[in-house]
Amino acid sequence: MIQDLLGIPPQALFGQLLLGLINGSFYALLSLGLAVIFGMLHVINFAHGALYMVGAFVAWLLMIHLGIGYWPALLIAPLVVAAFGVLIERTMLVRIAKMDPLYGLLLTFGLALVIEGVFRHFYGVSGQPYPPPPSLQGGTNLGFMFLPTYRAWVVVASLVVCLGTWYAIERTKLGSYLRAATEKPQLVQAMGINVPALVTLTFAAAVALAGFAGVLAAPMYQVNPLMGSNLIIVVFAVVVIGGMGSILGAVITGFGLGIVEGLTKVFYPEAANIVIFVVMAIVLLVKPQGLFGKA
């Protein structure tokens, strides 16, 4: 039926839709972390892609040197990246907290280059394989397509984490403290709440999302120092389209643009690499604050 209407085999169409959902999962996770950091801390974190790469490398190093498998690494790697994020925020970002956001962009851009350079020095640019856990290997034949188990897990895990993060920020008491601390820090401090600790916690949680995404990506893509830099520009475009600082916008736009990119590969493959940037240009012309952003 689909092939008769569109002239495209259903396996190719649904395969690209699945690939779009996979890419959208990573776009959503990474843009969510960026949106949290910008919305709460007003920092444009260009090192987010490098921290995504660090999460993948932590999982790989745990397997190589300590024999720790995928499931423990899925918890340990984000915690390691979060600890690294605390170090970054406490030693660097806190010094430019009152300055123009451009300083944060320049600082984190330089930091991304340093992190990437260190990993390139020790591990080169060739990718390192990271096998998925046995419980997530194989797949299911749905008739119209073959669904790999691990890819289905990536989509479900990303969606659960994204929605959980949104709920924590928008619907919990801690989330209300975080939002209040960004708008009226003196008032929140006067209520006896440690605002600097909240800021540090927010940054650590946001970069932990990048580390989590890195572990999810490790079995699908080879672990290499360039994996973050290849993705961060697209993720920034996703954040701009969704609206800078919009939590829900980052999630919806990430998954949506992944699907758009996948469909473009089916109907007009030549435009697949630029379709997100075309969408960004159109959105900025029509609604400069983004689809879900505030004026």
C-alpha atoms as a PDB file:
ATOM      1  CA  MET A   1       0.000   0.000   0.000  1.00  0.00           C
ATOM      2  CA  ILE A   2       2.716   2.492   0.995  1.00  0.00           C
ATOM      3  CA  GLN A   3       4.858   1.435  -1.945  1.00  0.00           C
ATOM      4  CA  ASP A   4       1.906   1.904  -4.314  1.00  0.00           C
ATOM      5  CA  LEU A   5       1.139   5.399  -2.989  1.00  0.00           C
ATOM      6  CA  LEU A   6       4.655   6.748  -2.547  1.00  0.00           C
ATOM      7  CA  GLY A   7       6.775   4.452  -4.665  1.00  0.00           C
ATOM      8  CA  ILE A   8       8.921   3.662  -1.595  1.00  0.00           C
ATOM      9  CA  PRO A   9       9.328   0.224  -0.008  1.00  0.00           C
ATOM     10  CA  PRO A  10       7.814   0.230   3.507  1.00  0.00           C
ATOM     11  CA  GLN A  11      11.037  -1.224   4.937  1.00  0.00           C
ATOM     12  CA  ALA A  12      12.963   1.813   3.693  1.00  0.00           C
ATOM     13  CA  LEU A  13      10.361   4.295   4.943  1.00  0.00           C
ATOM     14  CA  PHE A  14       9.966   2.828   8.422  1.00  0.00           C
ATOM     15  CA  GLY A  15      13.687   2.169   8.661  1.00  0.00           C
ATOM     16  CA  GLN A  16      14.401   5.858   8.095  1.00  0.00           C
ATOM     17  CA  LEU A  17      11.644   6.822  10.531  1.00  0.00           C
ATOM     18  CA  LEU A  18      13.320   4.637  13.152  1.00  0.00           C
ATOM     19  CA  LEU A  19      16.685   6.202  12.357  1.00  0.00           C
ATOM     20  CA  GLY A  20      15.061   9.621  12.695  1.00  0.00           C
ATOM     21  CA  LEU A  21      13.665   8.664  16.097  1.00  0.00           C
ATOM     22  CA  ILE A  22      17.122   7.450  17.157  1.00  0.00           C
ATOM     23  CA  ASN A  23      18.747  10.732  16.105  1.00  0.00           C
ATOM     24  CA  GLY A  24      15.864  12.617  17.684  1.00  0.00           C
ATOM     25  CA  SER A  25      16.479  10.806  20.956  1.00  0.00           C
ATOM     26  CA  PHE A  26      20.027  12.127  21.122  1.00  0.00           C
ATOM     27  CA  TYR A  27      18.952  15.578  19.927  1.00  0.00           C
ATOM     28  CA  ALA A  28      16.325  15.688  22.680  1.00  0.00           C
ATOM     29  CA  LEU A  29      18.645  14.506  25.473  1.00  0.00           C
ATOM     30  CA  LEU A  30      21.460  16.876  24.543  1.00  0.00           C
ATOM     31  CA  SER A  31      19.268  19.883  23.758  1.00  0.00           C
ATOM     32  CA  LEU A  32      17.395  19.287  27.022  1.00  0.00           C
ATOM     33  CA  GLY A  33      20.661  19.618  28.958  1.00  0.00           C
ATOM     34  CA  LEU A  34      21.576  22.739  27.016  1.00  0.00           C
ATOM     35  CA  ALA A  35      18.142  24.249  27.602  1.00  0.00           C
ATOM     36  CA  VAL A  36      18.350  23.551  31.347  1.00  0.00           C
ATOM     37  CA  ILE A  37      21.795  25.159  31.602  1.00  0.00           C
ATOM     38  CA  PHE A  38      20.803  28.224  29.601  1.00  0.00           C
ATOM     39  CA  GLY A  39      17.385  28.596  31.192  1.00  0.00           C
ATOM     40  CA  MET A  40      18.650  28.244  34.766  1.00  0.00           C
ATOM     41  CA  LEU A  41      22.238  29.500  34.566  1.00  0.00           C
ATOM     42  CA  HIS A  42      22.181  31.696  31.420  1.00  0.00           C
ATOM     43  CA  VAL A  43      25.294  29.920  30.137  1.00  0.00           C
ATOM     44  CA  ILE A  44      25.640  28.762  26.517  1.00  0.00           C
ATOM     45  CA  ASN A  45      27.498  25.509  27.168  1.00  0.00           C
ATOM     46  CA  PHE A  46      29.488  24.706  24.045  1.00  0.00           C
ATOM     47  CA  ALA A  47      31.304  21.926  25.942  1.00  0.00           C
ATOM     48  CA  HIS A  48      28.116  19.857  26.058  1.00  0.00           C
ATOM     49  CA  GLY A  49      29.150  17.766  23.047  1.00  0.00           C
ATOM     50  CA  ALA A  50      32.556  17.081  24.595  1.00  0.00           C
ATOM     51  CA  LEU A  51      30.880  15.906  27.816  1.00  0.00           C
ATOM     52  CA  TYR A  52      28.643  13.613  25.753  1.00  0.00           C
ATOM     53  CA  MET A  53      31.843  12.135  24.326  1.00  0.00           C
ATOM     54  CA  VAL A  54      33.340  11.831  27.820  1.00  0.00           C
ATOM     55  CA  GLY A  55      30.291   9.807  28.939  1.00  0.00           C
ATOM     56  CA  ALA A  56      30.845   7.333  26.081  1.00  0.00           C
ATOM     57  CA  PHE A  57      34.557   7.079  26.864  1.00  0.00           C
ATOM     58  CA  VAL A  58      33.917   6.528  30.578  1.00  0.00           C
ATOM     59  CA  ALA A  59      31.666   3.570  29.710  1.00  0.00           C
ATOM     60  CA  TRP A  60      34.294   2.174  27.335  1.00  0.00           C
ATOM     61  CA  LEU A  61      37.142   2.627  29.853  1.00  0.00           C
ATOM     62  CA  LEU A  62      35.082   0.951  32.576  1.00  0.00           C
ATOM     63  CA  MET A  63      34.626  -2.053  30.286  1.00  0.00           C
ATOM     64  CA  ILE A  64      38.252  -2.215  29.114  1.00  0.00           C
ATOM     65  CA  HIS A  65      40.045  -1.682  32.420  1.00  0.00           C
ATOM     66  CA  LEU A  66      37.588  -2.802  35.098  1.00  0.00           C
ATOM     67  CA  GLY A  67      35.328  -5.217  33.250  1.00  0.00           C
ATOM     68  CA  ILE A  68      32.250  -3.183  34.202  1.00  0.00           C
ATOM     69  CA  GLY A  69      29.429  -3.751  31.754  1.00  0.00           C
ATOM     70  CA  TYR A  70      26.768  -1.611  30.150  1.00  0.00           C
ATOM     71  CA  TRP A  71      24.116  -1.490  32.884  1.00  0.00           C
ATOM     72  CA  PRO A  72      26.411  -0.298  35.711  1.00  0.00           C
ATOM     73  CA  ALA A  73      28.091   2.113  33.263  1.00  0.00           C
ATOM     74  CA  LEU A  74      24.692   3.604  32.457  1.00  0.00           C
ATOM     75  CA  LEU A  75      24.644   4.858  36.055  1.00  0.00           C
ATOM     76  CA  ILE A  76      28.353   5.385  36.748  1.00  0.00           C
ATOM     77  CA  ALA A  77      29.255   7.350  33.602  1.00  0.00           C
ATOM     78  CA  PRO A  78      26.623  10.105  34.112  1.00  0.00           C
ATOM     79  CA  LEU A  79      27.767  10.438  37.739  1.00  0.00           C
ATOM     80  CA  VAL A  80      31.394  10.812  36.611  1.00  0.00           C
ATOM     81  CA  VAL A  81      30.389  13.433  34.041  1.00  0.00           C
ATOM     82  CA  ALA A  82      28.271  15.199  36.684  1.00  0.00           C
ATOM     83  CA  ALA A  83      31.277  15.312  39.032  1.00  0.00           C
ATOM     84  CA  PHE A  84      33.364  16.763  36.204  1.00  0.00           C
ATOM     85  CA  GLY A  85      30.582  19.288  35.637  1.00  0.00           C
ATOM     86  CA  VAL A  86      30.705  20.323  39.307  1.00  0.00           C
ATOM     87  CA  LEU A  87      34.451  20.922  38.914  1.00  0.00           C
ATOM     88  CA  ILE A  88      33.858  23.051  35.806  1.00  0.00           C
ATOM     89  CA  GLU A  89      31.078  25.093  37.384  1.00  0.00           C
ATOM     90  CA  ARG A  90      32.856  25.674  40.709  1.00  0.00           C
ATOM     91  CA  THR A  91      36.265  26.564  39.249  1.00  0.00           C
ATOM     92  CA  MET A  92      35.369  28.336  35.990  1.00  0.00           C
ATOM     93  CA  LEU A  93      31.747  29.229  35.348  1.00  0.00           C
ATOM     94  CA  VAL A  94      31.196  30.748  38.794  1.00  0.00           C
ATOM     95  CA  ARG A  95      33.826  33.376  37.947  1.00  0.00           C
ATOM     96  CA  ILE A  96      31.864  34.640  34.938  1.00  0.00           C
ATOM     97  CA  ALA A  97      28.355  34.253  36.369  1.00  0.00           C
ATOM     98  CA  LYS A  98      27.665  38.004  36.315  1.00  0.00           C
ATOM     99  CA  MET A  99      29.178  38.608  32.890  1.00  0.00           C
ATOM    100  CA  ASP A 100      27.674  38.596  29.409  1.00  0.00           C
ATOM    101  CA  PRO A 101      26.680  35.077  28.229  1.00  0.00           C
ATOM    102  CA  LEU A 102      29.196  35.474  25.417  1.00  0.00           C
ATOM    103  CA  TYR A 103      31.981  34.905  27.950  1.00  0.00           C
ATOM    104  CA  GLY A 104      30.419  31.582  28.920  1.00  0.00           C
ATOM    105  CA  LEU A 105      30.207  30.592  25.244  1.00  0.00           C
ATOM    106  CA  LEU A 106      33.882  31.413  24.656  1.00  0.00           C
ATOM    107  CA  LEU A 107      34.980  29.649  27.838  1.00  0.00           C
ATOM    108  CA  THR A 108      33.046  26.463  27.163  1.00  0.00           C
ATOM    109  CA  PHE A 109      34.105  26.473  23.496  1.00  0.00           C
ATOM    110  CA  GLY A 110      37.746  26.571  24.574  1.00  0.00           C
ATOM    111  CA  LEU A 111      37.079  23.901  27.186  1.00  0.00           C
ATOM    112  CA  ALA A 112      35.507  21.655  24.531  1.00  0.00           C
ATOM    113  CA  LEU A 113      38.620  21.985  22.377  1.00  0.00           C
ATOM    114  CA  VAL A 114      40.849  21.099  25.348  1.00  0.00           C
ATOM    115  CA  ILE A 115      38.790  18.021  26.307  1.00  0.00           C
ATOM    116  CA  GLU A 116      38.632  16.816  22.724  1.00  0.00           C
ATOM    117  CA  GLY A 117      42.367  17.418  22.255  1.00  0.00           C
ATOM    118  CA  VAL A 118      43.244  15.403  25.364  1.00  0.00           C
ATOM    119  CA  PHE A 119      41.229  12.399  24.209  1.00  0.00           C
ATOM    120  CA  ARG A 120      42.614  12.658  20.680  1.00  0.00           C
ATOM    121  CA  HIS A 121      46.137  12.658  22.102  1.00  0.00           C
ATOM    122  CA  PHE A 122      45.621   9.480  24.137  1.00  0.00           C
ATOM    123  CA  TYR A 123      43.181   7.540  21.934  1.00  0.00           C
ATOM    124  CA  GLY A 124      43.550   8.952  18.422  1.00  0.00           C
ATOM    125  CA  VAL A 125      40.595   9.518  16.134  1.00  0.00           C
ATOM    126  CA  SER A 126      39.799   5.913  15.242  1.00  0.00           C
ATOM    127  CA  GLY A 127      36.625   4.626  16.861  1.00  0.00           C
ATOM    128  CA  GLN A 128      36.540   2.092  19.686  1.00  0.00           C
ATOM    129  CA  PRO A 129      33.814  -0.603  19.596  1.00  0.00           C
ATOM    130  CA  TYR A 130      31.442  -0.960  22.546  1.00  0.00           C
ATOM    131  CA  PRO A 131      29.070  -3.941  22.379  1.00  0.00           C
ATOM    132  CA  PRO A 132      25.464  -3.683  23.575  1.00  0.00           C
ATOM    133  CA  PRO A 133      24.467  -5.900  26.521  1.00  0.00           C
ATOM    134  CA  PRO A 134      23.323  -9.433  25.597  1.00  0.00           C
ATOM    135  CA  SER A 135      19.798  -8.686  26.833  1.00  0.00           C
ATOM    136  CA  LEU A 136      19.426  -5.933  24.217  1.00  0.00           C
ATOM    137  CA  GLN A 137      20.928  -7.733  21.247  1.00  0.00           C
ATOM    138  CA  GLY A 138      18.888  -9.032  18.338  1.00  0.00           C
ATOM    139  CA  GLY A 139      15.556  -7.654  17.268  1.00  0.00           C
ATOM    140  CA  THR A 140      11.950  -8.301  16.302  1.00  0.00           C
ATOM    141  CA  ASN A 141      10.474  -8.774  12.836  1.00  0.00           C
ATOM    142  CA  LEU A 142       7.353  -6.599  12.734  1.00  0.00           C
ATOM    143  CA  GLY A 143       6.443  -7.651   9.205  1.00  0.00           C
ATOM    144  CA  PHE A 144       6.859  -4.230   7.645  1.00  0.00           C
ATOM    145  CA  MET A 145      10.343  -3.749   9.184  1.00  0.00           C
ATOM    146  CA  PHE A 146      12.959  -5.305  11.450  1.00  0.00           C
ATOM    147  CA  LEU A 147      13.167  -3.525  14.826  1.00  0.00           C
ATOM    148  CA  PRO A 148      16.555  -3.871  16.584  1.00  0.00           C
ATOM    149  CA  THR A 149      16.026  -4.264  20.317  1.00  0.00           C
ATOM    150  CA  TYR A 150      18.785  -1.870  21.300  1.00  0.00           C
ATOM    151  CA  ARG A 151      17.488   0.939  19.104  1.00  0.00           C
ATOM    152  CA  ALA A 152      14.006   0.545  20.565  1.00  0.00           C
ATOM    153  CA  TRP A 153      15.563   0.734  24.038  1.00  0.00           C
ATOM    154  CA  VAL A 154      17.379   3.970  23.154  1.00  0.00           C
ATOM    155  CA  VAL A 155      14.141   5.656  22.073  1.00  0.00           C
ATOM    156  CA  VAL A 156      12.205   4.509  25.163  1.00  0.00           C
ATOM    157  CA  ALA A 157      15.017   5.357  27.608  1.00  0.00           C
ATOM    158  CA  SER A 158      15.525   8.810  26.098  1.00  0.00           C
ATOM    159  CA  LEU A 159      11.816   9.591  26.196  1.00  0.00           C
ATOM    160  CA  VAL A 160      11.488   8.469  29.834  1.00  0.00           C
ATOM    161  CA  VAL A 161      14.534  10.482  30.959  1.00  0.00           C
ATOM    162  CA  CYS A 162      13.422  13.594  29.045  1.00  0.00           C
ATOM    163  CA  LEU A 163       9.897  13.512  30.454  1.00  0.00           C
ATOM    164  CA  GLY A 164      11.226  12.750  33.935  1.00  0.00           C
ATOM    165  CA  THR A 165      13.536  15.766  33.747  1.00  0.00           C
ATOM    166  CA  TRP A 166      10.703  17.998  32.562  1.00  0.00           C
ATOM    167  CA  TYR A 167       8.491  16.792  35.404  1.00  0.00           C
ATOM    168  CA  ALA A 168      11.229  17.343  37.992  1.00  0.00           C
ATOM    169  CA  ILE A 169      11.777  20.930  36.874  1.00  0.00           C
ATOM    170  CA  GLU A 170       8.196  21.961  36.169  1.00  0.00           C
ATOM    171  CA  ARG A 171       6.147  19.974  38.685  1.00  0.00           C
ATOM    172  CA  THR A 172       8.232  19.429  41.844  1.00  0.00           C
ATOM    173  CA  LYS A 173       9.165  21.597  44.800  1.00  0.00           C
ATOM    174  CA  LEU A 174      12.868  21.391  43.979  1.00  0.00           C
ATOM    175  CA  GLY A 175      12.101  22.491  40.440  1.00  0.00           C
ATOM    176  CA  SER A 176      10.197  25.505  41.732  1.00  0.00           C
ATOM    177  CA  TYR A 177      13.218  26.447  43.858  1.00  0.00           C
ATOM    178  CA  LEU A 178      15.448  26.176  40.802  1.00  0.00           C
ATOM    179  CA  ARG A 179      13.183  28.403  38.716  1.00  0.00           C
ATOM    180  CA  ALA A 180      12.854  30.923  41.517  1.00  0.00           C
ATOM    181  CA  ALA A 181      16.618  30.974  42.048  1.00  0.00           C
ATOM    182  CA  THR A 182      17.171  32.018  38.439  1.00  0.00           C
ATOM    183  CA  GLU A 183      14.692  34.902  38.623  1.00  0.00           C
ATOM    184  CA  LYS A 184      14.992  36.153  42.232  1.00  0.00           C
ATOM    185  CA  PRO A 185      18.209  34.709  43.694  1.00  0.00           C
ATOM    186  CA  GLN A 186      18.389  37.233  46.554  1.00  0.00           C
ATOM    187  CA  LEU A 187      14.838  36.437  47.650  1.00  0.00           C
ATOM    188  CA  VAL A 188      15.461  32.689  47.530  1.00  0.00           C
ATOM    189  CA  GLN A 189      18.725  33.143  49.446  1.00  0.00           C
ATOM    190  CA  ALA A 190      16.847  35.124  52.117  1.00  0.00           C
ATOM    191  CA  MET A 191      14.535  32.127  52.585  1.00  0.00           C
ATOM    192  CA  GLY A 192      17.531  30.081  53.726  1.00  0.00           C
ATOM    193  CA  ILE A 193      18.070  28.191  50.466  1.00  0.00           C
ATOM    194  CA  ASN A 194      21.658  27.741  49.273  1.00  0.00           C
ATOM    195  CA  VAL A 195      21.435  29.243  45.783  1.00  0.00           C
ATOM    196  CA  PRO A 196      25.044  28.470  44.720  1.00  0.00           C
ATOM    197  CA  ALA A 197      24.478  24.823  45.622  1.00  0.00           C
ATOM    198  CA  LEU A 198      21.272  24.809  43.545  1.00  0.00           C
ATOM    199  CA  VAL A 199      23.151  26.265  40.585  1.00  0.00           C
ATOM    200  CA  THR A 200      25.876  23.636  40.904  1.00  0.00           C
ATOM    201  CA  LEU A 201      23.272  20.871  41.213  1.00  0.00           C
ATOM    202  CA  THR A 202      21.490  22.123  38.094  1.00  0.00           C
ATOM    203  CA  PHE A 203      24.652  22.210  36.014  1.00  0.00           C
ATOM    204  CA  ALA A 204      25.722  18.768  37.246  1.00  0.00           C
ATOM    205  CA  ALA A 205      22.322  17.240  36.428  1.00  0.00           C
ATOM    206  CA  ALA A 206      22.287  18.841  32.968  1.00  0.00           C
ATOM    207  CA  VAL A 207      25.735  17.562  31.992  1.00  0.00           C
ATOM    208  CA  ALA A 208      24.827  14.150  33.457  1.00  0.00           C
ATOM    209  CA  LEU A 209      22.165  13.999  30.729  1.00  0.00           C
ATOM    210  CA  ALA A 210      24.955  14.406  28.187  1.00  0.00           C
ATOM    211  CA  GLY A 211      26.908  11.603  29.868  1.00  0.00           C
ATOM    212  CA  PHE A 212      23.822   9.383  29.820  1.00  0.00           C
ATOM    213  CA  ALA A 213      23.347  10.088  26.105  1.00  0.00           C
ATOM    214  CA  GLY A 214      26.994   9.190  25.515  1.00  0.00           C
ATOM    215  CA  VAL A 215      26.546   5.754  27.103  1.00  0.00           C
ATOM    216  CA  LEU A 216      23.398   5.165  25.040  1.00  0.00           C
ATOM    217  CA  ALA A 217      25.296   6.125  21.889  1.00  0.00           C
ATOM    218  CA  ALA A 218      28.395   4.012  22.593  1.00  0.00           C
ATOM    219  CA  PRO A 219      27.012   0.657  21.304  1.00  0.00           C
ATOM    220  CA  MET A 220      25.523   2.323  18.207  1.00  0.00           C
ATOM    221  CA  TYR A 221      28.406   4.515  17.121  1.00  0.00           C
ATOM    222  CA  GLN A 222      32.080   3.863  17.634  1.00  0.00           C
ATOM    223  CA  VAL A 223      33.455   5.705  20.659  1.00  0.00           C
ATOM    224  CA  ASN A 224      35.800   8.416  19.400  1.00  0.00           C
ATOM    225  CA  PRO A 225      36.862  11.944  20.421  1.00  0.00           C
ATOM    226  CA  LEU A 226      35.019  13.560  17.502  1.00  0.00           C
ATOM    227  CA  MET A 227      31.566  12.155  18.255  1.00  0.00           C
ATOM    228  CA  GLY A 228      30.547  15.215  20.282  1.00  0.00           C
ATOM    229  CA  SER A 229      31.815  17.887  17.909  1.00  0.00           C
ATOM    230  CA  ASN A 230      29.975  16.218  15.018  1.00  0.00           C
ATOM    231  CA  LEU A 231      26.680  16.569  16.881  1.00  0.00           C
ATOM    232  CA  ILE A 232      26.800  19.767  18.931  1.00  0.00           C
ATOM    233  CA  ILE A 233      26.093  22.204  16.052  1.00  0.00           C
ATOM    234  CA  VAL A 234      22.903  20.347  15.128  1.00  0.00           C
ATOM    235  CA  VAL A 235      21.878  20.238  18.794  1.00  0.00           C
ATOM    236  CA  PHE A 236      22.335  24.004  19.112  1.00  0.00           C
ATOM    237  CA  ALA A 237      20.064  24.434  16.086  1.00  0.00           C
ATOM    238  CA  VAL A 238      17.472  22.232  17.810  1.00  0.00           C
ATOM    239  CA  VAL A 239      17.664  24.381  20.955  1.00  0.00           C
ATOM    240  CA  VAL A 240      17.229  27.583  18.938  1.00  0.00           C
ATOM    241  CA  ILE A 241      14.214  26.159  17.103  1.00  0.00           C
ATOM    242  CA  GLY A 242      12.587  24.956  20.321  1.00  0.00           C
ATOM    243  CA  GLY A 243      13.332  28.193  22.149  1.00  0.00           C
ATOM    244  CA  MET A 244      16.382  28.960  24.280  1.00  0.00           C
ATOM    245  CA  GLY A 245      15.717  27.780  27.822  1.00  0.00           C
ATOM    246  CA  SER A 246      12.465  25.963  27.002  1.00  0.00           C
ATOM    247  CA  ILE A 247      12.557  22.502  28.596  1.00  0.00           C
ATOM    248  CA  LEU A 248       9.484  21.084  26.864  1.00  0.00           C
ATOM    249  CA  GLY A 249      10.485  22.790  23.625  1.00  0.00           C
ATOM    250  CA  ALA A 250      13.841  20.998  23.628  1.00  0.00           C
ATOM    251  CA  VAL A 251      12.201  17.582  24.039  1.00  0.00           C
ATOM    252  CA  ILE A 252       9.442  18.031  21.448  1.00  0.00           C
ATOM    253  CA  THR A 253      11.701  19.738  18.921  1.00  0.00           C
ATOM    254  CA  GLY A 254      14.476  17.162  19.353  1.00  0.00           C
ATOM    255  CA  PHE A 255      12.250  14.196  18.558  1.00  0.00           C
ATOM    256  CA  GLY A 256      10.299  16.106  15.898  1.00  0.00           C
ATOM    257  CA  LEU A 257      13.356  17.265  13.978  1.00  0.00           C
ATOM    258  CA  GLY A 258      14.843  13.789  14.136  1.00  0.00           C
ATOM    259  CA  ILE A 259      11.739  12.466  12.362  1.00  0.00           C
ATOM    260  CA  VAL A 260      11.850  15.330   9.834  1.00  0.00           C
ATOM    261  CA  GLU A 261      15.496  14.524   9.120  1.00  0.00           C
ATOM    262  CA  GLY A 262      14.649  10.834   8.671  1.00  0.00           C
ATOM    263  CA  LEU A 263      11.801  11.560   6.244  1.00  0.00           C
ATOM    264  CA  THR A 264      14.020  13.936   4.291  1.00  0.00           C
ATOM    265  CA  LYS A 265      16.496  11.091   3.759  1.00  0.00           C
ATOM    266  CA  VAL A 266      13.663   9.144   2.131  1.00  0.00           C
ATOM    267  CA  PHE A 267      12.177  11.807  -0.125  1.00  0.00           C
ATOM    268  CA  TYR A 268      15.101  14.175  -0.757  1.00  0.00           C
ATOM    269  CA  PRO A 269      18.381  12.659   0.525  1.00  0.00           C
ATOM    270  CA  GLU A 270      20.508  15.556  -0.752  1.00  0.00           C
ATOM    271  CA  ALA A 271      18.859  17.914   1.756  1.00  0.00           C
ATOM    272  CA  ALA A 272      19.062  15.629   4.798  1.00  0.00           C
ATOM    273  CA  ASN A 273      22.194  17.290   6.182  1.00  0.00           C
ATOM    274  CA  ILE A 274      20.787  20.810   5.985  1.00  0.00           C
ATOM    275  CA  VAL A 275      17.062  20.402   6.607  1.00  0.00           C
ATOM    276  CA  ILE A 276      17.369  21.236  10.332  1.00  0.00           C
ATOM    277  CA  PHE A 277      19.226  24.453   9.543  1.00  0.00           C
ATOM    278  CA  VAL A 278      16.621  25.382   6.925  1.00  0.00           C
ATOM    279  CA  VAL A 279      13.914  24.868   9.539  1.00  0.00           C
ATOM    280  CA  MET A 280      15.926  26.994  11.983  1.00  0.00           C
ATOM    281  CA  ALA A 281      16.179  29.847   9.474  1.00  0.00           C
ATOM    282  CA  ILE A 282      12.430  29.759   8.797  1.00  0.00           C
ATOM    283  CA  VAL A 283      11.564  29.661  12.515  1.00  0.00           C
ATOM    284  CA  LEU A 284      13.889  32.568  13.295  1.00  0.00           C
ATOM    285  CA  LEU A 285      12.265  34.628  10.550  1.00  0.00           C
ATOM    286  CA  VAL A 286       8.729  33.880  11.727  1.00  0.00           C
ATOM    287  CA  LYS A 287       9.236  33.537  15.496  1.00  0.00           C
ATOM    288  CA  PRO A 288      12.711  34.681  16.613  1.00  0.00           C
ATOM    289  CA  GLN A 289      12.238  33.432  20.196  1.00  0.00           C
ATOM    290  CA  GLY A 290      11.684  29.855  18.949  1.00  0.00           C
ATOM    291  CA  LEU A 291       8.590  27.691  18.811  1.00  0.00           C
ATOM    292  CA  PHE A 292       8.234  27.359  22.589  1.00  0.00           C
ATOM    293  CA  GLY A 293      10.396  30.255  23.756  1.00  0.00           C
ATOM    294  CA  LYS A 294       9.235  33.433  25.454  1.00  0.00           C
ATOM    295  CA  ALA A 295       9.631  36.803  23.799  1.00  0.00           C
END
